[in-house]
């Protein structure tokens, strides 16, 4: 990973669900995360879903506020190597 932050996107939710409500940020800006850590929790019309990190690094920015709808493929947060 380069020194520049990388955009991490909202995952697909399956079953043709293309959006979800962001209900919690588990990892805050500045937090160090490892692959597999829960970063955020979203709620679809069917269930609450943990969004897990696909790679490790330091969270440099959130791209959505709690209480907003996020869509699959949109930038959810930024991650930088530390």
C-alpha atoms as a PDB file:
ATOM      1  CA  UNK A   1       0.000   0.000   0.000  1.00  0.00           C
ATOM      2  CA  UNK A   2       1.309   3.452  -0.820  1.00  0.00           C
ATOM      3  CA  UNK A   3       1.547   6.380   1.584  1.00  0.00           C
ATOM      4  CA  UNK A   4      -1.628   7.913   0.129  1.00  0.00           C
ATOM      5  CA  UNK A   5      -4.930   6.930   1.732  1.00  0.00           C
ATOM      6  CA  UNK A   6      -6.919   4.299  -0.160  1.00  0.00           C
ATOM      7  CA  UNK A   7     -10.676   4.538  -0.640  1.00  0.00           C
ATOM      8  CA  UNK A   8     -12.516   1.574   0.874  1.00  0.00           C
ATOM      9  CA  UNK A   9     -15.951   0.984  -0.618  1.00  0.00           C
ATOM     10  CA  UNK A  10     -19.284  -0.157   0.772  1.00  0.00           C
ATOM     11  CA  UNK A  11     -19.527  -3.905   0.151  1.00  0.00           C
ATOM     12  CA  UNK A  12     -22.381  -5.598  -1.646  1.00  0.00           C
ATOM     13  CA  UNK A  13     -25.055  -6.859   0.711  1.00  0.00           C
ATOM     14  CA  UNK A  14     -26.280  -9.786  -1.393  1.00  0.00           C
ATOM     15  CA  UNK A  15     -29.821 -10.739  -2.289  1.00  0.00           C
ATOM     16  CA  UNK A  16     -29.967  -7.693  -4.603  1.00  0.00           C
ATOM     17  CA  UNK A  17     -29.806  -5.307  -1.632  1.00  0.00           C
ATOM     18  CA  UNK A  18     -27.951  -2.263  -2.886  1.00  0.00           C
ATOM     19  CA  UNK A  19     -28.119   0.017   0.135  1.00  0.00           C
ATOM     20  CA  UNK A  20     -28.121   0.042   3.915  1.00  0.00           C
ATOM     21  CA  UNK A  21     -28.392   2.448   6.842  1.00  0.00           C
ATOM     22  CA  UNK A  22     -25.085   3.212   8.588  1.00  0.00           C
ATOM     23  CA  UNK A  23     -25.897   2.722  12.271  1.00  0.00           C
ATOM     24  CA  UNK A  24     -22.452   2.721  13.926  1.00  0.00           C
ATOM     25  CA  UNK A  25     -18.779   3.429  13.308  1.00  0.00           C
ATOM     26  CA  UNK A  26     -16.788   0.883  15.335  1.00  0.00           C
ATOM     27  CA  UNK A  27     -13.406   2.144  14.094  1.00  0.00           C
ATOM     28  CA  UNK A  28     -12.883   5.861  14.527  1.00  0.00           C
ATOM     29  CA  UNK A  29     -10.702   8.189  12.487  1.00  0.00           C
ATOM     30  CA  UNK A  30      -7.128   7.616  13.623  1.00  0.00           C
ATOM     31  CA  UNK A  31      -7.769   4.040  14.758  1.00  0.00           C
ATOM     32  CA  UNK A  32      -5.451   1.258  13.624  1.00  0.00           C
ATOM     33  CA  UNK A  33      -7.336  -1.715  12.195  1.00  0.00           C
ATOM     34  CA  UNK A  34      -6.325  -5.175  11.071  1.00  0.00           C
ATOM     35  CA  UNK A  35      -7.820  -7.304   8.341  1.00  0.00           C
ATOM     36  CA  UNK A  36     -11.030  -8.850   9.677  1.00  0.00           C
ATOM     37  CA  UNK A  37     -11.735  -6.130  12.271  1.00  0.00           C
ATOM     38  CA  UNK A  38     -15.260  -4.724  12.352  1.00  0.00           C
ATOM     39  CA  UNK A  39     -15.146  -1.168  11.021  1.00  0.00           C
ATOM     40  CA  UNK A  40     -18.837  -0.253  10.890  1.00  0.00           C
ATOM     41  CA  UNK A  41     -22.308  -1.679  11.374  1.00  0.00           C
ATOM     42  CA  UNK A  42     -25.022  -1.196   8.774  1.00  0.00           C
ATOM     43  CA  UNK A  43     -28.652  -2.227   8.745  1.00  0.00           C
ATOM     44  CA  UNK A  44     -30.438  -3.547   5.675  1.00  0.00           C
ATOM     45  CA  UNK A  45     -34.166  -4.162   5.594  1.00  0.00           C
ATOM     46  CA  UNK A  46     -33.363  -7.743   6.617  1.00  0.00           C
ATOM     47  CA  UNK A  47     -30.603  -7.570   9.272  1.00  0.00           C
ATOM     48  CA  UNK A  48     -27.720  -5.707  10.871  1.00  0.00           C
ATOM     49  CA  UNK A  49     -24.428  -6.444   9.132  1.00  0.00           C
ATOM     50  CA  UNK A  50     -20.841  -5.909  10.310  1.00  0.00           C
ATOM     51  CA  UNK A  51     -18.575  -4.294   7.719  1.00  0.00           C
ATOM     52  CA  UNK A  52     -15.138  -5.856   8.195  1.00  0.00           C
ATOM     53  CA  UNK A  53     -11.767  -4.555   7.054  1.00  0.00           C
ATOM     54  CA  UNK A  54     -10.313  -6.226   3.984  1.00  0.00           C
ATOM     55  CA  UNK A  55      -6.848  -4.904   4.883  1.00  0.00           C
ATOM     56  CA  UNK A  56      -5.029  -3.337   7.795  1.00  0.00           C
ATOM     57  CA  UNK A  57      -4.010   0.273   8.235  1.00  0.00           C
ATOM     58  CA  UNK A  58      -5.078   3.493   9.919  1.00  0.00           C
ATOM     59  CA  UNK A  59      -8.522   4.982   9.285  1.00  0.00           C
ATOM     60  CA  UNK A  60      -7.954   8.510   7.971  1.00  0.00           C
ATOM     61  CA  UNK A  61     -11.522   9.569   7.130  1.00  0.00           C
ATOM     62  CA  UNK A  62     -15.149   8.482   7.246  1.00  0.00           C
ATOM     63  CA  UNK A  63     -17.132   9.244   4.093  1.00  0.00           C
ATOM     64  CA  UNK A  64     -20.595   8.843   5.608  1.00  0.00           C
ATOM     65  CA  UNK A  65     -22.253   9.917   8.837  1.00  0.00           C
ATOM     66  CA  UNK A  66     -24.169   7.625  11.158  1.00  0.00           C
ATOM     67  CA  UNK A  67     -27.834   7.707  10.182  1.00  0.00           C
ATOM     68  CA  UNK A  68     -27.219   8.034   6.442  1.00  0.00           C
ATOM     69  CA  UNK A  69     -27.947   5.549   3.678  1.00  0.00           C
ATOM     70  CA  UNK A  70     -24.857   4.043   2.053  1.00  0.00           C
ATOM     71  CA  UNK A  71     -24.942   2.307  -1.308  1.00  0.00           C
ATOM     72  CA  UNK A  72     -22.867  -0.634  -2.478  1.00  0.00           C
ATOM     73  CA  UNK A  73     -19.763   0.618  -4.264  1.00  0.00           C
ATOM     74  CA  UNK A  74     -19.677   4.083  -2.657  1.00  0.00           C
ATOM     75  CA  UNK A  75     -16.599   5.138  -0.679  1.00  0.00           C
ATOM     76  CA  UNK A  76     -17.201   4.305   2.991  1.00  0.00           C
ATOM     77  CA  UNK A  77     -13.859   5.314   4.560  1.00  0.00           C
ATOM     78  CA  UNK A  78     -10.201   5.931   3.765  1.00  0.00           C
ATOM     79  CA  UNK A  79      -7.324   3.839   4.989  1.00  0.00           C
ATOM     80  CA  UNK A  80      -3.585   4.592   5.056  1.00  0.00           C
ATOM     81  CA  UNK A  81      -0.577   2.435   5.838  1.00  0.00           C
ATOM     82  CA  UNK A  82       1.127   3.443   9.055  1.00  0.00           C
END
